[in-house]
PDB file of N, CA and C in Angstrom:
ATOM      1  N   MET A   1      93.147 112.220  77.374  1.00  0.00           N
ATOM      2  CA  MET A   1      93.546 111.978  78.645  1.00  0.00           C
ATOM      3  C   MET A   1      94.372 110.951  78.975  1.00  0.00           C
ATOM      4  N   ALA A   2      95.595 110.886  79.761  1.00  0.00           N
ATOM      5  CA  ALA A   2      96.470 110.418  80.068  1.00  0.00           C
ATOM      6  C   ALA A   2      96.518 110.129  81.581  1.00  0.00           C
ATOM      7  N   ASP A   3      96.867 109.418  82.068  1.00  0.00           N
ATOM      8  CA  ASP A   3      97.092 109.229  83.623  1.00  0.00           C
ATOM      9  C   ASP A   3      98.228 108.613  83.758  1.00  0.00           C
ATOM     10  N   VAL A   4      98.860 109.687  85.215  1.00  0.00           N
ATOM     11  CA  VAL A   4     100.398 108.518  85.101  1.00  0.00           C
ATOM     12  C   VAL A   4     100.110 108.711  86.427  1.00  0.00           C
ATOM     13  N   ILE A   5     100.418 107.300  87.043  1.00  0.00           N
ATOM     14  CA  ILE A   5     100.516 107.282  88.672  1.00  0.00           C
ATOM     15  C   ILE A   5     102.496 107.379  89.061  1.00  0.00           C
ATOM     16  N   LYS A   6     102.238 107.875  90.136  1.00  0.00           N
ATOM     17  CA  LYS A   6     103.966 108.125  90.601  1.00  0.00           C
ATOM     18  C   LYS A   6     104.099 108.842  92.311  1.00  0.00           C
ATOM     19  N   VAL A   7     105.969 109.129  92.170  1.00  0.00           N
ATOM     20  CA  VAL A   7     105.615 109.926  92.810  1.00  0.00           C
ATOM     21  C   VAL A   7     105.933 111.365  92.578  1.00  0.00           C
ATOM     22  N   LEU A   8     104.930 111.876  93.643  1.00  0.00           N
ATOM     23  CA  LEU A   8     104.590 113.535  92.670  1.00  0.00           C
ATOM     24  C   LEU A   8     105.695 114.273  93.551  1.00  0.00           C
ATOM     25  N   GLY A   9     106.533 114.025  95.024  1.00  0.00           N
ATOM     26  CA  GLY A   9     107.377 114.801  95.734  1.00  0.00           C
ATOM     27  C   GLY A   9     107.992 114.022  96.573  1.00  0.00           C
ATOM     28  N   GLN A  10     109.420 114.277  96.532  1.00  0.00           N
ATOM     29  CA  GLN A  10     110.389 113.401  98.350  1.00  0.00           C
ATOM     30  C   GLN A  10     111.353 114.786  98.242  1.00  0.00           C
ATOM     31  N   LEU A  11     111.101 115.087  99.530  1.00  0.00           N
ATOM     32  CA  LEU A  11     111.908 116.134 100.237  1.00  0.00           C
ATOM     33  C   LEU A  11     112.319 116.338 101.577  1.00  0.00           C
ATOM     34  N   ASN A  12     113.614 116.689 101.737  1.00  0.00           N
ATOM     35  CA  ASN A  12     114.085 116.743 102.939  1.00  0.00           C
ATOM     36  C   ASN A  12     114.515 118.336 103.328  1.00  0.00           C
ATOM     37  N   PRO A  13     113.797 119.255 103.590  1.00  0.00           N
ATOM     38  CA  PRO A  13     113.918 120.233 104.036  1.00  0.00           C
ATOM     39  C   PRO A  13     114.754 120.955 104.917  1.00  0.00           C
ATOM     40  N   SER A  14     115.060 121.999 104.151  1.00  0.00           N
ATOM     41  CA  SER A  14     115.903 122.680 105.592  1.00  0.00           C
ATOM     42  C   SER A  14     115.132 123.130 107.043  1.00  0.00           C
ATOM     43  N   ALA A  15     115.222 123.437 107.679  1.00  0.00           N
ATOM     44  CA  ALA A  15     114.888 123.630 108.891  1.00  0.00           C
ATOM     45  C   ALA A  15     113.926 124.619 109.082  1.00  0.00           C
ATOM     46  N   THR A  16     112.515 125.014 109.175  1.00  0.00           N
ATOM     47  CA  THR A  16     112.063 126.567 109.429  1.00  0.00           C
ATOM     48  C   THR A  16     111.918 127.736 108.110  1.00  0.00           C
ATOM     49  N   THR A  17     112.124 126.406 107.284  1.00  0.00           N
ATOM     50  CA  THR A  17     112.423 126.808 106.009  1.00  0.00           C
ATOM     51  C   THR A  17     110.719 126.479 105.027  1.00  0.00           C
ATOM     52  N   THR A  18     109.732 127.312 104.353  1.00  0.00           N
ATOM     53  CA  THR A  18     108.574 126.779 104.242  1.00  0.00           C
ATOM     54  C   THR A  18     109.337 126.876 102.305  1.00  0.00           C
ATOM     55  N   THR A  19     109.066 125.101 101.563  1.00  0.00           N
ATOM     56  CA  THR A  19     109.333 124.479 100.788  1.00  0.00           C
ATOM     57  C   THR A  19     108.981 124.203  99.881  1.00  0.00           C
ATOM     58  N   THR A  20     108.971 124.013  98.820  1.00  0.00           N
ATOM     59  CA  THR A  20     107.878 123.867  97.488  1.00  0.00           C
ATOM     60  C   THR A  20     107.991 122.570  97.414  1.00  0.00           C
ATOM     61  N   LEU A  21     107.299 121.518  97.517  1.00  0.00           N
ATOM     62  CA  LEU A  21     106.958 119.741  97.898  1.00  0.00           C
ATOM     63  C   LEU A  21     106.644 119.391  96.190  1.00  0.00           C
ATOM     64  N   TYR A  22     105.454 119.987  95.530  1.00  0.00           N
ATOM     65  CA  TYR A  22     105.258 119.577  94.339  1.00  0.00           C
ATOM     66  C   TYR A  22     104.626 120.944  94.055  1.00  0.00           C
ATOM     67  N   THR A  23     104.936 121.260  91.948  1.00  0.00           N
ATOM     68  CA  THR A  23     103.440 122.100  91.420  1.00  0.00           C
ATOM     69  C   THR A  23     103.571 121.590  90.366  1.00  0.00           C
ATOM     70  N   VAL A  24     101.508 121.707  90.260  1.00  0.00           N
ATOM     71  CA  VAL A  24     101.498 120.908  89.591  1.00  0.00           C
ATOM     72  C   VAL A  24     101.783 121.486  87.861  1.00  0.00           C
ATOM     73  N   PRO A  25     101.917 120.598  86.916  1.00  0.00           N
ATOM     74  CA  PRO A  25     102.398 120.631  85.602  1.00  0.00           C
ATOM     75  C   PRO A  25     101.457 121.975  84.943  1.00  0.00           C
ATOM     76  N   ASN A  26     101.823 122.569  84.118  1.00  0.00           N
ATOM     77  CA  ASN A  26     100.630 123.292  83.048  1.00  0.00           C
ATOM     78  C   ASN A  26      99.997 121.970  81.946  1.00  0.00           C
ATOM     79  N   LEU A  27      98.742 122.376  82.092  1.00  0.00           N
ATOM     80  CA  LEU A  27      98.248 121.462  81.426  1.00  0.00           C
ATOM     81  C   LEU A  27      97.958 120.242  81.707  1.00  0.00           C
ATOM     82  N   ASN A  28      98.069 120.103  83.237  1.00  0.00           N
ATOM     83  CA  ASN A  28      97.624 118.781  83.951  1.00  0.00           C
ATOM     84  C   ASN A  28      96.555 118.873  85.237  1.00  0.00           C
ATOM     85  N   GLN A  29      96.255 118.178  85.418  1.00  0.00           N
ATOM     86  CA  GLN A  29      95.307 117.836  87.180  1.00  0.00           C
ATOM     87  C   GLN A  29      96.143 117.102  87.572  1.00  0.00           C
ATOM     88  N   THR A  30      96.404 117.156  88.773  1.00  0.00           N
ATOM     89  CA  THR A  30      96.715 116.356  89.520  1.00  0.00           C
ATOM     90  C   THR A  30      95.376 115.521  91.135  1.00  0.00           C
ATOM     91  N   THR A  31      95.615 114.506  91.371  1.00  0.00           N
ATOM     92  CA  THR A  31      95.313 113.834  92.489  1.00  0.00           C
ATOM     93  C   THR A  31      96.312 113.094  93.492  1.00  0.00           C
ATOM     94  N   VAL A  32      95.783 114.069  94.525  1.00  0.00           N
ATOM     95  CA  VAL A  32      97.086 113.251  95.671  1.00  0.00           C
ATOM     96  C   VAL A  32      96.547 112.055  96.421  1.00  0.00           C
ATOM     97  N   SER A  33      96.919 111.123  96.099  1.00  0.00           N
ATOM     98  CA  SER A  33      96.526 110.030  96.876  1.00  0.00           C
ATOM     99  C   SER A  33      97.214 109.920  98.635  1.00  0.00           C
ATOM    100  N   SER A  34      98.401 109.919  98.924  1.00  0.00           N
ATOM    101  CA  SER A  34      98.780 110.250 100.202  1.00  0.00           C
ATOM    102  C   SER A  34     100.292 110.540 100.119  1.00  0.00           C
ATOM    103  N   ILE A  35      99.605 111.415 101.561  1.00  0.00           N
ATOM    104  CA  ILE A  35     101.023 111.936 101.713  1.00  0.00           C
ATOM    105  C   ILE A  35     102.054 111.168 103.353  1.00  0.00           C
ATOM    106  N   ASN A  36     103.365 110.908 103.471  1.00  0.00           N
ATOM    107  CA  ASN A  36     103.951 110.259 104.631  1.00  0.00           C
ATOM    108  C   ASN A  36     104.811 110.875 104.767  1.00  0.00           C
ATOM    109  N   VAL A  37     105.170 111.550 105.688  1.00  0.00           N
ATOM    110  CA  VAL A  37     106.080 112.201 106.900  1.00  0.00           C
ATOM    111  C   VAL A  37     106.830 111.417 108.034  1.00  0.00           C
ATOM    112  N   CYS A  38     107.888 111.217 107.641  1.00  0.00           N
ATOM    113  CA  CYS A  38     108.451 110.535 108.761  1.00  0.00           C
ATOM    114  C   CYS A  38     109.933 110.939 109.306  1.00  0.00           C
ATOM    115  N   ASN A  39     109.803 111.025 110.549  1.00  0.00           N
ATOM    116  CA  ASN A  39     110.502 111.698 111.100  1.00  0.00           C
ATOM    117  C   ASN A  39     112.066 110.957 111.983  1.00  0.00           C
ATOM    118  N   ARG A  40     113.201 111.346 111.724  1.00  0.00           N
ATOM    119  CA  ARG A  40     114.021 110.078 111.653  1.00  0.00           C
ATOM    120  C   ARG A  40     115.312 110.447 112.910  1.00  0.00           C
ATOM    121  N   THR A  41     114.664 111.526 113.635  1.00  0.00           N
ATOM    122  CA  THR A  41     115.094 111.711 114.448  1.00  0.00           C
ATOM    123  C   THR A  41     114.819 111.664 116.087  1.00  0.00           C
ATOM    124  N   SER A  42     115.372 111.157 116.813  1.00  0.00           N
ATOM    125  CA  SER A  42     115.253 110.539 118.422  1.00  0.00           C
ATOM    126  C   SER A  42     114.491 111.896 118.888  1.00  0.00           C
ATOM    127  N   GLY A  43     113.681 112.825 118.507  1.00  0.00           N
ATOM    128  CA  GLY A  43     112.877 113.818 119.575  1.00  0.00           C
ATOM    129  C   GLY A  43     111.829 114.124 118.481  1.00  0.00           C
ATOM    130  N   ALA A  44     110.422 114.424 118.859  1.00  0.00           N
ATOM    131  CA  ALA A  44     109.205 114.768 118.375  1.00  0.00           C
ATOM    132  C   ALA A  44     110.133 116.082 117.634  1.00  0.00           C
ATOM    133  N   LEU A  45     108.992 116.253 116.334  1.00  0.00           N
ATOM    134  CA  LEU A  45     109.197 117.184 114.912  1.00  0.00           C
ATOM    135  C   LEU A  45     107.730 117.369 115.085  1.00  0.00           C
ATOM    136  N   THR A  46     107.679 119.064 114.567  1.00  0.00           N
ATOM    137  CA  THR A  46     106.022 119.496 113.644  1.00  0.00           C
ATOM    138  C   THR A  46     106.109 119.841 112.430  1.00  0.00           C
ATOM    139  N   PHE A  47     105.120 119.150 111.616  1.00  0.00           N
ATOM    140  CA  PHE A  47     105.548 120.050 110.549  1.00  0.00           C
ATOM    141  C   PHE A  47     104.000 120.771 109.962  1.00  0.00           C
ATOM    142  N   ARG A  48     104.456 121.665 109.107  1.00  0.00           N
ATOM    143  CA  ARG A  48     103.047 121.775 108.302  1.00  0.00           C
ATOM    144  C   ARG A  48     103.015 122.193 106.832  1.00  0.00           C
ATOM    145  N   LEU A  49     101.567 121.581 106.681  1.00  0.00           N
ATOM    146  CA  LEU A  49     101.644 121.512 105.137  1.00  0.00           C
ATOM    147  C   LEU A  49     100.246 121.855 104.171  1.00  0.00           C
ATOM    148  N   SER A  50     100.215 122.740 102.979  1.00  0.00           N
ATOM    149  CA  SER A  50      99.634 123.741 102.740  1.00  0.00           C
ATOM    150  C   SER A  50      99.641 123.512 100.866  1.00  0.00           C
ATOM    151  N   VAL A  51      98.425 124.258 100.989  1.00  0.00           N
ATOM    152  CA  VAL A  51      98.204 124.415  99.431  1.00  0.00           C
ATOM    153  C   VAL A  51      97.736 125.235  98.795  1.00  0.00           C
ATOM    154  N   HIS A  52      98.996 126.309  97.883  1.00  0.00           N
ATOM    155  CA  HIS A  52      98.492 127.148  96.968  1.00  0.00           C
ATOM    156  C   HIS A  52      98.154 127.470  95.991  1.00  0.00           C
ATOM    157  N   VAL A  53      96.516 127.529  95.767  1.00  0.00           N
ATOM    158  CA  VAL A  53      96.004 127.389  94.543  1.00  0.00           C
ATOM    159  C   VAL A  53      96.318 128.591  93.514  1.00  0.00           C
ATOM    160  N   ALA A  54      97.144 127.798  92.297  1.00  0.00           N
ATOM    161  CA  ALA A  54      97.714 128.991  91.196  1.00  0.00           C
ATOM    162  C   ALA A  54      99.026 129.685  91.775  1.00  0.00           C
ATOM    163  N   GLY A  55      99.836 129.054  92.394  1.00  0.00           N
ATOM    164  CA  GLY A  55     100.414 129.413  93.039  1.00  0.00           C
ATOM    165  C   GLY A  55     100.370 130.423  93.958  1.00  0.00           C
ATOM    166  N   ALA A  56      99.630 130.954  94.416  1.00  0.00           N
ATOM    167  CA  ALA A  56      98.869 132.022  95.325  1.00  0.00           C
ATOM    168  C   ALA A  56     100.031 132.262  96.693  1.00  0.00           C
ATOM    169  N   GLY A  57     100.489 133.340  96.875  1.00  0.00           N
ATOM    170  CA  GLY A  57     101.648 133.660  97.895  1.00  0.00           C
ATOM    171  C   GLY A  57     100.150 133.267  99.404  1.00  0.00           C
ATOM    172  N   ALA A  58     101.424 133.311 100.566  1.00  0.00           N
ATOM    173  CA  ALA A  58     101.170 132.799 101.693  1.00  0.00           C
ATOM    174  C   ALA A  58      99.785 133.379 102.675  1.00  0.00           C
ATOM    175  N   ASP A  59      98.591 132.162 102.655  1.00  0.00           N
ATOM    176  CA  ASP A  59      97.529 132.754 103.018  1.00  0.00           C
ATOM    177  C   ASP A  59      97.241 131.880 104.371  1.00  0.00           C
ATOM    178  N   ASP A  60      96.851 132.694 105.908  1.00  0.00           N
ATOM    179  CA  ASP A  60      96.330 131.159 107.174  1.00  0.00           C
ATOM    180  C   ASP A  60      95.181 130.227 106.078  1.00  0.00           C
ATOM    181  N   LYS A  61      94.568 130.533 105.552  1.00  0.00           N
ATOM    182  CA  LYS A  61      93.528 129.602 104.752  1.00  0.00           C
ATOM    183  C   LYS A  61      93.937 127.927 103.993  1.00  0.00           C
ATOM    184  N   GLN A  62      95.065 127.790 103.660  1.00  0.00           N
ATOM    185  CA  GLN A  62      96.019 127.343 102.398  1.00  0.00           C
ATOM    186  C   GLN A  62      96.680 125.945 103.697  1.00  0.00           C
ATOM    187  N   PHE A  63      96.582 125.812 104.989  1.00  0.00           N
ATOM    188  CA  PHE A  63      97.080 124.983 105.805  1.00  0.00           C
ATOM    189  C   PHE A  63      95.762 123.708 105.680  1.00  0.00           C
ATOM    190  N   ILE A  64      96.947 121.974 105.060  1.00  0.00           N
ATOM    191  CA  ILE A  64      95.901 121.533 105.281  1.00  0.00           C
ATOM    192  C   ILE A  64      96.245 120.589 106.874  1.00  0.00           C
ATOM    193  N   TYR A  65      97.773 121.067 107.161  1.00  0.00           N
ATOM    194  CA  TYR A  65      98.022 120.609 108.470  1.00  0.00           C
ATOM    195  C   TYR A  65      99.213 121.632 109.067  1.00  0.00           C
ATOM    196  N   TYR A  66      99.048 122.045 110.791  1.00  0.00           N
ATOM    197  CA  TYR A  66      99.420 123.041 110.806  1.00  0.00           C
ATOM    198  C   TYR A  66     100.043 122.461 111.887  1.00  0.00           C
ATOM    199  N   ASP A  67     101.388 122.462 112.882  1.00  0.00           N
ATOM    200  CA  ASP A  67     102.148 122.410 113.418  1.00  0.00           C
ATOM    201  C   ASP A  67     101.457 120.882 114.398  1.00  0.00           C
ATOM    202  N   LYS A  68     101.838 119.936 113.049  1.00  0.00           N
ATOM    203  CA  LYS A  68     101.434 118.566 113.515  1.00  0.00           C
ATOM    204  C   LYS A  68     102.404 118.171 113.769  1.00  0.00           C
ATOM    205  N   SER A  69     102.357 117.515 115.468  1.00  0.00           N
ATOM    206  CA  SER A  69     103.292 116.486 114.771  1.00  0.00           C
ATOM    207  C   SER A  69     103.894 114.823 115.032  1.00  0.00           C
ATOM    208  N   VAL A  70     104.724 114.780 114.895  1.00  0.00           N
ATOM    209  CA  VAL A  70     105.335 113.526 114.344  1.00  0.00           C
ATOM    210  C   VAL A  70     106.271 112.930 115.666  1.00  0.00           C
ATOM    211  N   SER A  71     106.361 111.593 116.564  1.00  0.00           N
ATOM    212  CA  SER A  71     106.939 111.318 117.571  1.00  0.00           C
ATOM    213  C   SER A  71     108.065 110.736 116.850  1.00  0.00           C
ATOM    214  N   ALA A  72     109.570 111.077 117.695  1.00  0.00           N
ATOM    215  CA  ALA A  72     110.772 110.284 117.598  1.00  0.00           C
ATOM    216  C   ALA A  72     110.458 108.980 116.798  1.00  0.00           C
ATOM    217  N   THR A  73     111.109 108.930 115.437  1.00  0.00           N
ATOM    218  CA  THR A  73     110.863 107.642 114.631  1.00  0.00           C
ATOM    219  C   THR A  73     110.062 107.506 114.445  1.00  0.00           C
ATOM    220  N   ASP A  74     109.191 108.311 114.147  1.00  0.00           N
ATOM    221  CA  ASP A  74     107.723 107.310 113.979  1.00  0.00           C
ATOM    222  C   ASP A  74     106.643 107.989 112.198  1.00  0.00           C
ATOM    223  N   THR A  75     106.376 107.481 111.282  1.00  0.00           N
ATOM    224  CA  THR A  75     106.056 108.420 110.861  1.00  0.00           C
ATOM    225  C   THR A  75     104.269 108.259 110.157  1.00  0.00           C
ATOM    226  N   PHE A  76     104.287 109.567 109.829  1.00  0.00           N
ATOM    227  CA  PHE A  76     102.945 110.059 110.045  1.00  0.00           C
ATOM    228  C   PHE A  76     102.111 110.158 108.205  1.00  0.00           C
ATOM    229  N   SER A  77     101.171 109.245 108.554  1.00  0.00           N
ATOM    230  CA  SER A  77     100.625 108.718 107.002  1.00  0.00           C
ATOM    231  C   SER A  77      99.248 109.227 106.892  1.00  0.00           C
ATOM    232  N   ALA A  78      98.338 110.148 105.692  1.00  0.00           N
ATOM    233  CA  ALA A  78      97.548 110.440 105.719  1.00  0.00           C
ATOM    234  C   ALA A  78      97.345 110.131 103.886  1.00  0.00           C
ATOM    235  N   VAL A  79      96.135 109.750 103.831  1.00  0.00           N
ATOM    236  CA  VAL A  79      95.189 109.180 102.890  1.00  0.00           C
ATOM    237  C   VAL A  79      94.162 110.781 103.073  1.00  0.00           C
ATOM    238  N   LEU A  80      94.273 111.225 101.304  1.00  0.00           N
ATOM    239  CA  LEU A  80      93.853 112.552 101.141  1.00  0.00           C
ATOM    240  C   LEU A  80      92.835 112.738  99.977  1.00  0.00           C
ATOM    241  N   GLY A  81      93.149 111.998  99.128  1.00  0.00           N
ATOM    242  CA  GLY A  81      92.669 112.588  98.016  1.00  0.00           C
ATOM    243  C   GLY A  81      92.509 113.704  97.227  1.00  0.00           C
ATOM    244  N   LEU A  82      93.596 114.472  98.265  1.00  0.00           N
ATOM    245  CA  LEU A  82      93.259 115.832  97.333  1.00  0.00           C
ATOM    246  C   LEU A  82      93.194 116.063  95.417  1.00  0.00           C
ATOM    247  N   THR A  83      92.221 117.214  95.230  1.00  0.00           N
ATOM    248  CA  THR A  83      92.745 117.462  93.755  1.00  0.00           C
ATOM    249  C   THR A  83      93.241 119.074  93.556  1.00  0.00           C
ATOM    250  N   LEU A  84      94.265 118.860  92.531  1.00  0.00           N
ATOM    251  CA  LEU A  84      94.706 119.581  92.142  1.00  0.00           C
ATOM    252  C   LEU A  84      93.996 120.061  91.028  1.00  0.00           C
ATOM    253  N   ASN A  85      95.119 121.743  90.515  1.00  0.00           N
ATOM    254  CA  ASN A  85      94.636 122.194  89.420  1.00  0.00           C
ATOM    255  C   ASN A  85      96.264 122.458  89.297  1.00  0.00           C
ATOM    256  N   GLN A  86      96.326 122.852  87.390  1.00  0.00           N
ATOM    257  CA  GLN A  86      97.287 123.622  86.915  1.00  0.00           C
ATOM    258  C   GLN A  86      97.752 124.767  87.738  1.00  0.00           C
ATOM    259  N   SER A  87      99.383 124.558  88.085  1.00  0.00           N
ATOM    260  CA  SER A  87      99.970 125.430  88.681  1.00  0.00           C
ATOM    261  C   SER A  87      99.798 126.034  90.295  1.00  0.00           C
ATOM    262  N   ASP A  88      98.722 124.963  90.437  1.00  0.00           N
ATOM    263  CA  ASP A  88      99.022 125.028  92.141  1.00  0.00           C
ATOM    264  C   ASP A  88      99.971 123.949  92.841  1.00  0.00           C
ATOM    265  N   VAL A  89     100.108 124.476  93.906  1.00  0.00           N
ATOM    266  CA  VAL A  89     101.067 124.090  94.731  1.00  0.00           C
ATOM    267  C   VAL A  89     101.623 123.528  96.263  1.00  0.00           C
ATOM    268  N   VAL A  90     102.036 122.428  96.329  1.00  0.00           N
ATOM    269  CA  VAL A  90     101.973 122.077  97.704  1.00  0.00           C
ATOM    270  C   VAL A  90     103.351 121.964  98.377  1.00  0.00           C
ATOM    271  N   LYS A  91     103.420 123.079  99.481  1.00  0.00           N
ATOM    272  CA  LYS A  91     104.249 123.631 100.617  1.00  0.00           C
ATOM    273  C   LYS A  91     104.557 122.867 102.231  1.00  0.00           C
ATOM    274  N   VAL A  92     105.634 122.551 102.133  1.00  0.00           N
ATOM    275  CA  VAL A  92     106.047 122.125 103.314  1.00  0.00           C
ATOM    276  C   VAL A  92     106.783 123.249 104.293  1.00  0.00           C
ATOM    277  N   HIS A  93     106.963 122.722 105.632  1.00  0.00           N
ATOM    278  CA  HIS A  93     107.733 123.289 106.397  1.00  0.00           C
ATOM    279  C   HIS A  93     108.170 122.670 107.814  1.00  0.00           C
ATOM    280  N   ALA A  94     109.169 121.827 108.448  1.00  0.00           N
ATOM    281  CA  ALA A  94     109.556 121.312 109.082  1.00  0.00           C
ATOM    282  C   ALA A  94     110.087 122.080 110.977  1.00  0.00           C
ATOM    283  N   SER A  95     109.482 121.211 111.576  1.00  0.00           N
ATOM    284  CA  SER A  95     110.474 122.691 112.869  1.00  0.00           C
ATOM    285  C   SER A  95     111.558 122.311 112.926  1.00  0.00           C
ATOM    286  N   GLY A  96     112.087 121.616 112.194  1.00  0.00           N
ATOM    287  CA  GLY A  96     113.703 120.798 112.541  1.00  0.00           C
ATOM    288  C   GLY A  96     113.630 119.960 111.348  1.00  0.00           C
ATOM    289  N   THR A  97     115.188 119.905 111.258  1.00  0.00           N
ATOM    290  CA  THR A  97     115.855 118.538 110.256  1.00  0.00           C
ATOM    291  C   THR A  97     115.763 116.960 110.868  1.00  0.00           C
ATOM    292  N   GLY A  98     115.492 116.447 109.713  1.00  0.00           N
ATOM    293  CA  GLY A  98     114.991 115.211 110.208  1.00  0.00           C
ATOM    294  C   GLY A  98     113.451 114.553 109.965  1.00  0.00           C
ATOM    295  N   LEU A  99     113.194 115.589 108.681  1.00  0.00           N
ATOM    296  CA  LEU A  99     111.622 115.083 108.177  1.00  0.00           C
ATOM    297  C   LEU A  99     111.603 115.113 107.105  1.00  0.00           C
ATOM    298  N   SER A 100     111.122 113.479 106.700  1.00  0.00           N
ATOM    299  CA  SER A 100     111.354 113.458 104.834  1.00  0.00           C
ATOM    300  C   SER A 100     109.653 113.120 104.996  1.00  0.00           C
ATOM    301  N   PHE A 101     109.330 114.245 104.049  1.00  0.00           N
ATOM    302  CA  PHE A 101     108.753 114.431 103.236  1.00  0.00           C
ATOM    303  C   PHE A 101     108.177 113.456 101.921  1.00  0.00           C
ATOM    304  N   ASN A 102     107.054 112.493 101.667  1.00  0.00           N
ATOM    305  CA  ASN A 102     106.690 111.456 100.123  1.00  0.00           C
ATOM    306  C   ASN A 102     105.064 111.492  99.949  1.00  0.00           C
ATOM    307  N   MET A 103     105.338 112.366  98.581  1.00  0.00           N
ATOM    308  CA  MET A 103     103.772 112.529  98.433  1.00  0.00           C
ATOM    309  C   MET A 103     103.546 111.779  97.113  1.00  0.00           C
ATOM    310  N   PHE A 104     101.934 111.232  97.061  1.00  0.00           N
ATOM    311  CA  PHE A 104     102.169 110.162  96.058  1.00  0.00           C
ATOM    312  C   PHE A 104     100.491 110.392  95.459  1.00  0.00           C
ATOM    313  N   GLY A 105     100.477 110.206  94.168  1.00  0.00           N
ATOM    314  CA  GLY A 105      98.712 110.473  93.126  1.00  0.00           C
ATOM    315  C   GLY A 105      99.546 110.072  91.909  1.00  0.00           C
ATOM    316  N   VAL A 106      98.337 110.814  91.047  1.00  0.00           N
ATOM    317  CA  VAL A 106      98.578 110.681  89.717  1.00  0.00           C
ATOM    318  C   VAL A 106      98.350 111.685  88.988  1.00  0.00           C
ATOM    319  N   GLU A 107      98.950 112.250  87.791  1.00  0.00           N
ATOM    320  CA  GLU A 107      98.837 112.899  87.192  1.00  0.00           C
ATOM    321  C   GLU A 107      98.203 112.589  85.874  1.00  0.00           C
ATOM    322  N   THR A 108      97.066 114.304  85.367  1.00  0.00           N
ATOM    323  CA  THR A 108      96.407 113.601  84.186  1.00  0.00           C
ATOM    324  C   THR A 108      96.316 114.534  83.562  1.00  0.00           C
ATOM    325  N   SER A 109      97.017 114.400  82.669  1.00  0.00           N
ATOM    326  CA  SER A 109      97.253 115.577  81.343  1.00  0.00           C
ATOM    327  C   SER A 109      95.925 115.032  79.780  1.00  0.00           C
TER     328      SER A 109
END
């Protein structure tokens, strides 16, 4: 088994659109160490973060954060230790344009 420490995803999503930040590759497992959400605007924005096991469709049970507020020109950082299996998907949703999402961790193949 090989571990690769890496940036798992970077995204500047469109407003009010649920967008895939990361999908675990086939025959891999992933440990997400941290997620950072940077608000580049002069007003507060909110975000959502969800984990879809094996690419499952939307369901309320998948949310890690729901309408979490990030103040103007501030960054929200979370150290998580999420463990994901192949085909699991991390998705994000932003209330407006101006949020940057960065996710870091380890892929194990």
